């Protein structure tokens, strides 16, 4: 007994007649597909339904699982308070998920380590609409089940897949027949006259996600670029990835039931039939192996600036040694250019893991006698002193991507019109508060965005005046 079926569903309130008041007729294909989902769930007769919802409690670094014995909610925020649903939670399954997360061992290490999931941090026990809408249709056909509700997080996609794997194992340990319902809308940028406008990435995302899910080709879910997903303004991708993890190692066939974007938001429904074990579908293991091979190949071509940063970081994490420039001897360091040894300049070291920032610290003006020393120092700081992240651990080292930006001397400018987000970084100053943002960053497309982010980093409000400086960088990869 484990995961017996899975479904990808949207959650548009307008599809409920009491909310849509006639508008729901414009998305009848979505409603019809939802009824197919409900009928299939009734045929599967699950003991428990797990719903992952983007509108449940969401933390940046933690998966929240709803606690308690039961919960209820209604659609009053959409002027339809008469739609009210109460459910009983599967407390035994929730306890087992939490236990597995607490004693979680990664697939590439025997070391026991906590996985960031559990029932702490409850803020609002009421069922959210990302959960209520799937339940509204399921309950029309089937009522004999308990619920597990889980929120998404800001953690990498791979960790959402792992969360799904933990759910699968917990279901097996508890001998539950479980159906997984991944609640999530697709792009919110499908039409110019839609409530969120249009972006080219919108239709592209919807086309791509429907192809991937209808074919149950889940390994491709892990390769969606985070910046691309942000520009598409989707809300369900992490939900779909968690569902995929719950189906890890199982024979799965997918089928598209419907896709509509009548109101400028993509609504996609897919069903997934589950068979026995299939060793070819351990997608996270395969994805990690492929990613590691790509990273190893990339490292062969890292320039000397990044090579020095990585050597400094790894020496410190593995051995507690702070490398000095005199330590870089031998044939592998013979090509250090004179400018690294003789020039003084500020430098930033950026570290990414699985497409997400993992640490970034640097100096605006030089603090050392050479760029090389600046890099050696800042690589360690980016790894262990960035207050936004926990210190990097040794098991993460093979999966890190690094870059080094060497800064020109900042120059004051009179207005933002003298900036260019691709060419110039920006420094904003108000009194003793100073914020910096590097140029040519993914997801930062306008000068106003660039300045706004730099303000936030410095704690400077939008209504406070700032002095502006610009600088150029040479980026080393």
Protein backbone atom coordinates (compact mmCIF):
# COMPACT_ATOMS: atom_id res chain seq x y z
CA UNK A 1 0.00 0.00 0.00
CA UNK A 2 1.30 3.45 -0.89
CA UNK A 3 0.49 6.02 -3.55
CA UNK A 4 -2.31 4.58 -5.69
CA UNK A 5 -3.04 7.60 -7.87
CA UNK A 6 -2.20 11.25 -8.37
CA UNK A 7 -3.74 14.31 -9.96
CA UNK A 8 -2.62 17.78 -10.99
CA UNK A 9 -5.47 20.27 -10.54
CA UNK A 10 -6.01 24.06 -10.48
CA UNK A 11 -7.93 26.03 -7.87
CA UNK A 12 -9.78 28.95 -9.52
CA UNK A 13 -12.56 30.17 -7.20
CA UNK A 14 -14.48 31.42 -10.23
CA UNK A 15 -15.22 27.86 -11.30
CA UNK A 16 -17.56 27.40 -8.32
CA UNK A 17 -21.09 28.48 -9.32
CA UNK A 18 -21.59 30.41 -6.07
CA UNK A 19 -18.49 32.45 -6.87
CA UNK A 20 -18.57 32.60 -10.66
CA UNK A 21 -22.30 33.41 -10.89
CA UNK A 22 -22.37 32.39 -14.53
CA UNK A 23 -18.74 33.08 -15.41
CA UNK A 24 -17.88 29.48 -14.54
CA UNK A 25 -19.62 28.39 -17.74
CA UNK A 26 -16.67 29.82 -19.67
CA UNK A 27 -14.41 27.11 -18.26
CA UNK A 28 -16.72 24.11 -18.50
CA UNK A 29 -13.90 21.87 -19.76
CA UNK A 30 -12.05 22.46 -16.50
CA UNK A 31 -15.16 21.62 -14.47
CA UNK A 32 -15.81 18.47 -16.50
CA UNK A 33 -12.20 17.34 -16.03
CA UNK A 34 -12.46 17.98 -12.28
CA UNK A 35 -15.47 15.69 -12.13
CA UNK A 36 -13.44 13.01 -13.92
CA UNK A 37 -10.80 13.38 -11.23
CA UNK A 38 -13.39 13.03 -8.47
CA UNK A 39 -14.87 9.94 -10.09
CA UNK A 40 -11.46 8.31 -10.45
CA UNK A 41 -10.61 9.03 -6.81
CA UNK A 42 -13.90 7.38 -5.81
CA UNK A 43 -12.85 4.31 -7.82
CA UNK A 44 -9.45 4.21 -6.10
CA UNK A 45 -11.05 4.43 -2.63
CA UNK A 46 -8.03 5.94 -0.85
CA UNK A 47 -7.71 5.88 2.92
CA UNK A 48 -6.02 9.27 2.79
CA UNK A 49 -5.76 12.15 0.35
CA UNK A 50 -2.63 14.29 0.48
CA UNK A 51 -3.10 17.79 -0.93
CA UNK A 52 -0.15 20.09 -1.55
CA UNK A 53 -1.30 23.68 -1.80
CA UNK A 54 0.52 26.93 -2.68
CA UNK A 55 -1.98 28.78 -0.48
CA UNK A 56 -1.40 26.82 2.68
CA UNK A 57 1.19 28.17 5.11
CA UNK A 58 4.45 28.72 3.22
CA UNK A 59 7.91 29.33 4.63
CA UNK A 60 11.13 30.10 2.81
CA UNK A 61 13.03 27.22 4.39
CA UNK A 62 10.46 24.82 5.83
CA UNK A 63 7.59 22.58 4.69
CA UNK A 64 4.58 23.13 6.92
CA UNK A 65 2.25 20.17 7.49
CA UNK A 66 -1.09 21.09 8.99
CA UNK A 67 -1.38 19.83 12.61
CA UNK A 68 -4.39 18.83 14.66
CA UNK A 69 -7.17 16.30 14.32
CA UNK A 70 -9.39 18.24 11.93
CA UNK A 71 -9.88 21.51 10.11
CA UNK A 72 -12.53 23.49 8.29
CA UNK A 73 -12.73 26.39 5.91
CA UNK A 74 -15.10 28.31 3.71
CA UNK A 75 -15.12 30.53 0.65
CA UNK A 76 -16.24 33.69 2.46
CA UNK A 77 -13.25 35.65 1.14
CA UNK A 78 -14.81 35.10 -2.30
CA UNK A 79 -18.29 36.13 -1.12
CA UNK A 80 -19.50 32.54 -0.95
CA UNK A 81 -19.41 31.75 2.76
CA UNK A 82 -22.17 29.20 2.27
CA UNK A 83 -19.53 26.87 0.80
CA UNK A 84 -18.02 25.37 3.94
CA UNK A 85 -16.02 22.15 4.28
CA UNK A 86 -14.75 20.24 7.31
CA UNK A 87 -12.27 17.34 7.18
CA UNK A 88 -10.51 14.99 9.53
CA UNK A 89 -6.72 14.83 9.36
CA UNK A 90 -4.77 11.56 9.22
CA UNK A 91 -2.76 12.21 12.38
CA UNK A 92 -0.92 8.89 12.22
CA UNK A 93 0.36 9.58 8.72
CA UNK A 94 1.30 13.15 9.66
CA UNK A 95 3.26 11.84 12.66
CA UNK A 96 5.10 9.36 10.45
CA UNK A 97 6.00 12.03 7.88
CA UNK A 98 7.37 14.22 10.66
CA UNK A 99 9.32 11.31 12.15
CA UNK A 100 10.91 10.46 8.81
CA UNK A 101 11.81 14.11 8.26
CA UNK A 102 13.44 14.33 11.69
CA UNK A 103 15.57 11.25 11.00
CA UNK A 104 16.18 11.86 7.34
CA UNK A 105 19.29 10.43 5.69
CA UNK A 106 20.25 11.81 2.28
CA UNK A 107 20.58 9.35 -0.58
CA UNK A 108 24.31 10.08 -0.95
CA UNK A 109 25.26 9.89 2.73
CA UNK A 110 24.66 7.60 5.68
CA UNK A 111 24.76 10.62 7.95
CA UNK A 112 21.42 11.33 9.63
CA UNK A 113 20.24 14.87 9.09
CA UNK A 114 17.00 16.73 9.70
CA UNK A 115 14.79 17.49 6.73
CA UNK A 116 13.02 20.86 7.17
CA UNK A 117 9.43 19.66 7.48
CA UNK A 118 6.94 19.38 10.31
CA UNK A 119 3.90 20.80 12.03
CA UNK A 120 5.53 23.80 13.71
CA UNK A 121 4.59 27.36 12.81
CA UNK A 122 0.84 27.06 12.35
CA UNK A 123 -0.56 30.55 11.68
CA UNK A 124 -4.04 29.93 10.34
CA UNK A 125 -5.67 26.51 10.79
CA UNK A 126 -8.45 27.24 8.28
CA UNK A 127 -8.41 25.36 5.00
CA UNK A 128 -7.14 27.56 2.17
CA UNK A 129 -8.85 27.80 -1.22
CA UNK A 130 -6.07 25.77 -2.85
CA UNK A 131 -7.29 22.92 -0.66
CA UNK A 132 -11.01 23.74 -0.54
CA UNK A 133 -11.60 23.72 -4.28
CA UNK A 134 -10.19 20.21 -4.89
CA UNK A 135 -12.15 18.98 -1.85
CA UNK A 136 -15.34 20.63 -3.16
CA UNK A 137 -15.31 18.35 -6.20
CA UNK A 138 -13.87 15.24 -4.55
CA UNK A 139 -16.57 15.27 -1.86
CA UNK A 140 -19.26 15.16 -4.50
CA UNK A 141 -18.12 11.62 -5.34
CA UNK A 142 -16.18 10.32 -2.34
CA UNK A 143 -16.17 11.06 1.38
CA UNK A 144 -14.54 8.10 3.13
CA UNK A 145 -11.03 9.52 3.56
CA UNK A 146 -8.81 11.52 5.86
CA UNK A 147 -6.64 14.42 4.75
CA UNK A 148 -3.01 15.49 4.95
CA UNK A 149 -2.43 19.11 3.93
CA UNK A 150 1.06 20.36 3.20
CA UNK A 151 2.38 23.73 2.10
CA UNK A 152 5.18 24.52 -0.30
CA UNK A 153 8.41 26.35 0.50
CA UNK A 154 11.08 28.57 -1.01
CA UNK A 155 13.54 25.67 -0.95
CA UNK A 156 14.97 24.21 -4.20
CA UNK A 157 12.86 22.07 -6.49
CA UNK A 158 14.93 18.99 -5.63
CA UNK A 159 13.90 19.32 -1.98
CA UNK A 160 10.22 19.44 -2.96
CA UNK A 161 10.80 16.16 -4.80
CA UNK A 162 12.44 14.75 -1.65
CA UNK A 163 9.44 15.89 0.40
CA UNK A 164 7.26 13.82 -1.91
CA UNK A 165 9.55 10.82 -1.44
CA UNK A 166 9.18 11.13 2.32
CA UNK A 167 5.39 11.17 1.94
CA UNK A 168 5.53 8.01 -0.17
CA UNK A 169 7.66 6.20 2.41
CA UNK A 170 5.41 7.32 5.26
CA UNK A 171 2.33 6.07 3.40
CA UNK A 172 4.02 2.70 2.92
CA UNK A 173 5.08 2.50 6.58
CA UNK A 174 1.52 3.28 7.71
CA UNK A 175 0.03 0.89 5.13
CA UNK A 176 -2.14 3.62 3.68
CA UNK A 177 -3.79 3.76 0.28
CA UNK A 178 -2.99 7.36 -0.64
CA UNK A 179 -4.01 9.61 -3.50
CA UNK A 180 -1.85 12.67 -4.03
CA UNK A 181 -3.57 15.84 -5.29
CA UNK A 182 -1.16 18.57 -6.43
CA UNK A 183 -3.11 21.82 -6.32
CA UNK A 184 -1.72 24.65 -8.41
CA UNK A 185 -2.61 27.04 -11.20
CA UNK A 186 -0.28 27.42 -14.18
CA UNK A 187 0.88 30.78 -15.56
CA UNK A 188 -0.93 33.94 -14.48
CA UNK A 189 0.48 35.82 -17.49
CA UNK A 190 -1.53 34.37 -20.34
CA UNK A 191 -3.44 37.39 -21.68
CA UNK A 192 -2.91 41.13 -22.00
CA UNK A 193 -6.42 41.74 -20.67
CA UNK A 194 -6.07 39.19 -17.88
CA UNK A 195 -5.83 40.29 -14.24
CA UNK A 196 -2.03 39.87 -14.22
CA UNK A 197 -1.20 40.90 -17.78
CA UNK A 198 0.86 39.02 -20.34
CA UNK A 199 4.42 37.73 -20.53
CA UNK A 200 5.89 35.61 -23.31
CA UNK A 201 6.97 33.12 -20.67
CA UNK A 202 3.30 32.50 -19.76
CA UNK A 203 2.13 30.47 -22.76
CA UNK A 204 5.60 28.91 -22.98
CA UNK A 205 5.35 27.65 -19.41
CA UNK A 206 1.85 26.26 -19.88
CA UNK A 207 2.79 24.44 -23.07
CA UNK A 208 5.90 22.97 -21.49
CA UNK A 209 4.30 21.90 -18.20
CA UNK A 210 1.35 20.24 -19.91
CA UNK A 211 3.68 18.29 -22.19
CA UNK A 212 5.88 17.16 -19.31
CA UNK A 213 3.01 16.14 -17.04
CA UNK A 214 0.86 14.48 -19.70
CA UNK A 215 3.86 12.27 -20.47
CA UNK A 216 4.74 11.81 -16.76
CA UNK A 217 8.29 12.81 -17.72
CA UNK A 218 8.91 14.11 -14.22
CA UNK A 219 12.70 14.47 -14.40
CA UNK A 220 12.13 17.53 -16.59
CA UNK A 221 10.20 19.24 -13.79
CA UNK A 222 13.50 19.65 -11.95
CA UNK A 223 15.07 21.49 -14.86
CA UNK A 224 12.59 24.37 -15.06
CA UNK A 225 14.59 27.54 -14.52
CA UNK A 226 13.46 29.44 -11.41
CA UNK A 227 13.71 32.80 -13.19
CA UNK A 228 11.60 31.47 -16.07
CA UNK A 229 8.96 30.23 -13.61
CA UNK A 230 8.91 33.60 -11.85
CA UNK A 231 8.38 35.48 -15.12
CA UNK A 232 5.58 33.07 -16.04
CA UNK A 233 4.02 33.81 -12.61
CA UNK A 234 3.01 30.22 -12.01
CA UNK A 235 1.89 29.09 -8.57
CA UNK A 236 1.81 25.31 -8.86
CA UNK A 237 5.22 24.14 -10.04
CA UNK A 238 6.57 23.19 -6.62
CA UNK A 239 3.31 21.40 -5.91
CA UNK A 240 3.72 19.32 -9.07
CA UNK A 241 7.33 18.52 -8.19
CA UNK A 242 6.31 17.29 -4.73
CA UNK A 243 3.70 15.05 -6.36
CA UNK A 244 6.38 13.69 -8.70
CA UNK A 245 8.52 12.83 -5.69
CA UNK A 246 5.62 10.94 -4.13
CA UNK A 247 5.57 8.82 -7.30
CA UNK A 248 9.33 8.19 -7.33
CA UNK A 249 10.30 4.70 -8.45
CA UNK A 250 6.75 3.80 -9.50
CA UNK A 251 5.42 3.02 -12.96
CA UNK A 252 3.29 6.01 -13.91
CA UNK A 253 1.36 6.99 -17.02
CA UNK A 254 0.03 10.51 -17.42
CA UNK A 255 -2.96 11.89 -19.27
CA UNK A 256 -4.01 15.46 -19.98
CA UNK A 257 -7.68 15.96 -19.14
CA UNK A 258 -7.99 19.69 -19.86
CA UNK A 259 -6.19 22.98 -20.27
CA UNK A 260 -7.84 26.39 -20.43
CA UNK A 261 -6.71 29.99 -19.99
CA UNK A 262 -10.00 31.81 -20.57
CA UNK A 263 -9.41 34.39 -17.84
CA UNK A 264 -5.69 34.89 -18.45
CA UNK A 265 -4.60 32.23 -15.93
CA UNK A 266 -3.68 28.71 -16.99
CA UNK A 267 -5.80 25.89 -15.56
CA UNK A 268 -4.36 22.44 -16.29
CA UNK A 269 -5.63 19.05 -15.16
CA UNK A 270 -3.72 15.80 -15.57
CA UNK A 271 -4.33 12.36 -14.12
CA UNK A 272 -1.65 9.80 -13.29
CA UNK A 273 -2.26 6.07 -13.21
CA UNK A 274 0.13 4.23 -10.90
CA UNK A 275 1.47 0.72 -11.37
CA UNK A 276 4.16 -1.29 -9.64
CA UNK A 277 7.78 -0.46 -9.02
CA UNK A 278 9.92 0.88 -11.85
CA UNK A 279 13.63 1.29 -11.12
CA UNK A 280 14.06 3.52 -14.17
CA UNK A 281 11.94 6.22 -12.55
CA UNK A 282 14.12 7.23 -9.61
CA UNK A 283 14.34 10.65 -11.16
CA UNK A 284 16.03 12.56 -8.36
CA UNK A 285 18.98 10.17 -8.30
CA UNK A 286 19.28 10.43 -12.08
CA UNK A 287 18.94 14.21 -12.04
CA UNK A 288 21.58 14.60 -9.33
CA UNK A 289 23.99 12.35 -11.21
CA UNK A 290 23.45 14.32 -14.41
CA UNK A 291 23.83 17.62 -12.58
CA UNK A 292 27.02 16.45 -10.89
CA UNK A 293 28.47 15.39 -14.24
CA UNK A 294 27.61 18.80 -15.71
CA UNK A 295 29.17 20.60 -12.76
CA UNK A 296 32.34 18.50 -12.94
CA UNK A 297 32.65 19.29 -16.64
CA UNK A 298 32.06 22.98 -15.96
CA UNK A 299 34.76 23.02 -13.28
CA UNK A 300 37.34 21.92 -15.83
CA UNK A 301 36.76 25.24 -17.58
CA UNK A 302 36.55 27.55 -14.55
CA UNK A 303 38.91 30.46 -14.89
CA UNK A 304 41.67 31.12 -12.38
CA UNK A 305 39.61 33.61 -10.35
CA UNK A 306 36.86 31.06 -9.66
CA UNK A 307 39.39 28.29 -9.20
CA UNK A 308 41.04 30.31 -6.42
CA UNK A 309 37.67 31.06 -4.77
CA UNK A 310 36.66 27.41 -4.82
CA UNK A 311 40.03 26.28 -3.44
CA UNK A 312 39.74 28.77 -0.58
CA UNK A 313 36.16 27.74 0.22
CA UNK A 314 36.87 23.99 0.13
CA UNK A 315 40.08 24.30 2.16
CA UNK A 316 38.19 26.12 4.88
CA UNK A 317 35.09 23.88 4.92
CA UNK A 318 37.01 20.60 4.77
CA UNK A 319 40.11 21.42 6.80
CA UNK A 320 39.51 24.72 8.59
CA UNK A 321 42.43 26.29 6.71
CA UNK A 322 42.36 29.90 5.54
CA UNK A 323 44.39 29.84 2.34
CA UNK A 324 46.90 32.63 1.76
CA UNK A 325 48.23 33.74 -1.60
CA UNK A 326 51.62 32.17 -0.76
CA UNK A 327 49.88 28.78 -0.56
CA UNK A 328 48.97 28.85 -4.25
CA UNK A 329 52.11 27.26 -5.59
CA UNK A 330 52.82 24.59 -8.17
CA UNK A 331 51.90 23.89 -11.75
CA UNK A 332 48.13 24.27 -11.26
CA UNK A 333 48.63 27.88 -10.14
CA UNK A 334 51.29 28.84 -12.65
CA UNK A 335 48.87 30.86 -14.76
CA UNK A 336 47.81 33.36 -12.06
CA UNK A 337 47.88 36.71 -13.90
CA UNK A 338 49.89 39.61 -12.54
CA UNK A 339 46.73 41.70 -12.07
CA UNK A 340 45.43 39.23 -9.47
CA UNK A 341 48.67 39.61 -7.50
CA UNK A 342 49.28 43.33 -7.97
CA UNK A 343 45.91 45.05 -8.46
CA UNK A 344 43.70 46.18 -5.57
CA UNK A 345 39.93 46.05 -6.10
CA UNK A 346 36.67 45.13 -4.43
CA UNK A 347 35.38 41.68 -5.31
CA UNK A 348 32.22 39.66 -4.78
CA UNK A 349 32.04 35.88 -4.60
CA UNK A 350 28.63 34.38 -5.44
CA UNK A 351 27.66 30.78 -4.72
CA UNK A 352 24.66 29.00 -6.21
CA UNK A 353 23.24 25.54 -5.60
CA UNK A 354 20.55 23.95 -7.75
CA UNK A 355 19.86 27.27 -9.42
CA UNK A 356 19.36 29.20 -6.17
CA UNK A 357 21.64 31.64 -4.42
CA UNK A 358 23.49 29.94 -1.56
CA UNK A 359 25.75 32.79 -0.49
CA UNK A 360 27.14 36.08 -1.75
CA UNK A 361 29.49 38.44 0.05
CA UNK A 362 32.00 40.93 -1.23
CA UNK A 363 33.74 44.22 -0.75
CA UNK A 364 32.85 47.45 -2.51
CA UNK A 365 36.35 48.89 -2.06
CA UNK A 366 39.56 46.87 -1.64
CA UNK A 367 40.42 45.72 1.88
CA UNK A 368 43.43 43.59 0.93
CA UNK A 369 46.69 44.21 -0.90
CA UNK A 370 45.60 42.25 -4.00
CA UNK A 371 42.53 41.00 -5.84
CA UNK A 372 43.64 37.44 -5.13
CA UNK A 373 43.59 37.99 -1.37
CA UNK A 374 40.23 39.73 -1.68
CA UNK A 375 38.82 36.64 -3.43
CA UNK A 376 40.33 34.15 -0.97
CA UNK A 377 38.83 36.09 1.94
CA UNK A 378 35.39 36.70 0.42
CA UNK A 379 34.93 33.10 -0.73
CA UNK A 380 35.01 31.97 2.89
CA UNK A 381 32.72 34.80 3.98
CA UNK A 382 30.18 33.97 1.27
CA UNK A 383 30.17 30.34 2.42
CA UNK A 384 29.82 30.83 6.16
CA UNK A 385 29.00 34.46 6.97
CA UNK A 386 26.11 35.39 4.69
CA UNK A 387 23.33 36.05 7.26
CA UNK A 388 20.64 34.95 4.82
CA UNK A 389 21.79 31.33 4.75
CA UNK A 390 23.19 28.64 7.06
CA UNK A 391 26.88 27.90 6.65
CA UNK A 392 27.75 25.64 3.72
CA UNK A 393 28.51 22.06 4.72
CA UNK A 394 30.99 19.60 3.24
CA UNK A 395 28.32 17.44 1.57
CA UNK A 396 27.18 20.46 -0.47
CA UNK A 397 30.57 21.18 -2.01
CA UNK A 398 30.20 19.01 -5.16
CA UNK A 399 26.94 20.79 -6.08
CA UNK A 400 28.09 24.41 -5.81
CA UNK A 401 28.43 26.79 -8.74
CA UNK A 402 30.60 29.85 -8.18
CA UNK A 403 31.34 33.16 -9.84
CA UNK A 404 33.64 36.08 -9.01
CA UNK A 405 32.93 39.73 -9.81
CA UNK A 406 35.83 42.17 -9.70
CA UNK A 407 34.56 45.73 -9.25
CA UNK A 408 35.73 48.96 -10.78
CA UNK A 409 35.96 51.98 -8.48
CA UNK A 410 32.42 53.33 -7.87
CA UNK A 411 31.55 56.72 -9.34
CA UNK A 412 28.77 59.07 -8.15
CA UNK A 413 25.93 59.69 -10.59
CA UNK A 414 23.25 62.37 -10.65
CA UNK A 415 20.24 60.26 -11.63
CA UNK A 416 19.07 56.74 -12.34
CA UNK A 417 19.05 57.55 -16.06
CA UNK A 418 22.83 57.05 -15.92
CA UNK A 419 22.35 53.39 -14.98
CA UNK A 420 22.06 50.28 -17.14
CA UNK A 421 21.08 47.04 -15.35
CA UNK A 422 23.19 44.93 -17.69
CA UNK A 423 26.33 47.08 -17.60
CA UNK A 424 26.39 48.84 -14.22
CA UNK A 425 25.94 47.77 -10.64
CA UNK A 426 24.38 50.29 -8.27
CA UNK A 427 25.17 51.53 -4.76
CA UNK A 428 22.51 53.42 -2.79
CA UNK A 429 23.47 55.42 0.30
CA UNK A 430 21.47 57.16 3.01
CA UNK A 431 23.59 58.27 5.95
CA UNK A 432 25.41 55.21 7.28
CA UNK A 433 23.18 52.80 5.37
CA UNK A 434 24.56 51.53 2.10
CA UNK A 435 23.22 48.87 -0.26
CA UNK A 436 24.75 47.35 -3.38
CA UNK A 437 23.45 45.25 -6.24
CA UNK A 438 25.61 43.70 -8.93
CA UNK A 439 24.77 44.18 -12.63
CA UNK A 440 23.39 41.64 -15.08
CA UNK A 441 21.50 39.48 -12.58
CA UNK A 442 18.78 37.00 -13.58
CA UNK A 443 15.33 38.37 -12.81
CA UNK A 444 16.46 42.00 -12.48
CA UNK A 445 15.32 43.61 -15.72
CA UNK A 446 14.78 47.30 -14.92
CA UNK A 447 16.68 50.10 -13.23
CA UNK A 448 13.82 50.63 -10.77
CA UNK A 449 14.00 46.97 -9.72
CA UNK A 450 17.75 47.24 -9.31
CA UNK A 451 17.53 50.32 -7.09
CA UNK A 452 14.60 48.90 -5.10
CA UNK A 453 16.50 45.70 -4.26
CA UNK A 454 19.59 47.68 -3.27
CA UNK A 455 17.39 49.83 -0.99
CA UNK A 456 15.92 46.75 0.68
CA UNK A 457 19.37 45.29 1.29
CA UNK A 458 20.35 48.51 3.08
CA UNK A 459 17.06 48.90 4.95
CA UNK A 460 16.31 52.18 3.15
CA UNK A 461 12.61 52.89 2.58
CA UNK A 462 11.30 53.86 -0.85
CA UNK A 463 10.31 57.32 0.44
CA UNK A 464 13.84 58.09 1.70
CA UNK A 465 16.31 59.93 -0.51
CA UNK A 466 19.47 58.15 -1.61
CA UNK A 467 22.75 59.06 -3.23
CA UNK A 468 23.52 56.88 -6.24
CA UNK A 469 26.82 55.42 -7.41
CA UNK A 470 27.52 53.08 -10.27
CA UNK A 471 30.30 50.64 -10.99
CA UNK A 472 31.25 48.08 -13.61
CA UNK A 473 32.40 44.51 -13.04
CA UNK A 474 34.41 41.87 -14.76
CA UNK A 475 32.55 38.61 -14.12
CA UNK A 476 34.54 35.40 -13.93
CA UNK A 477 32.82 32.03 -14.29
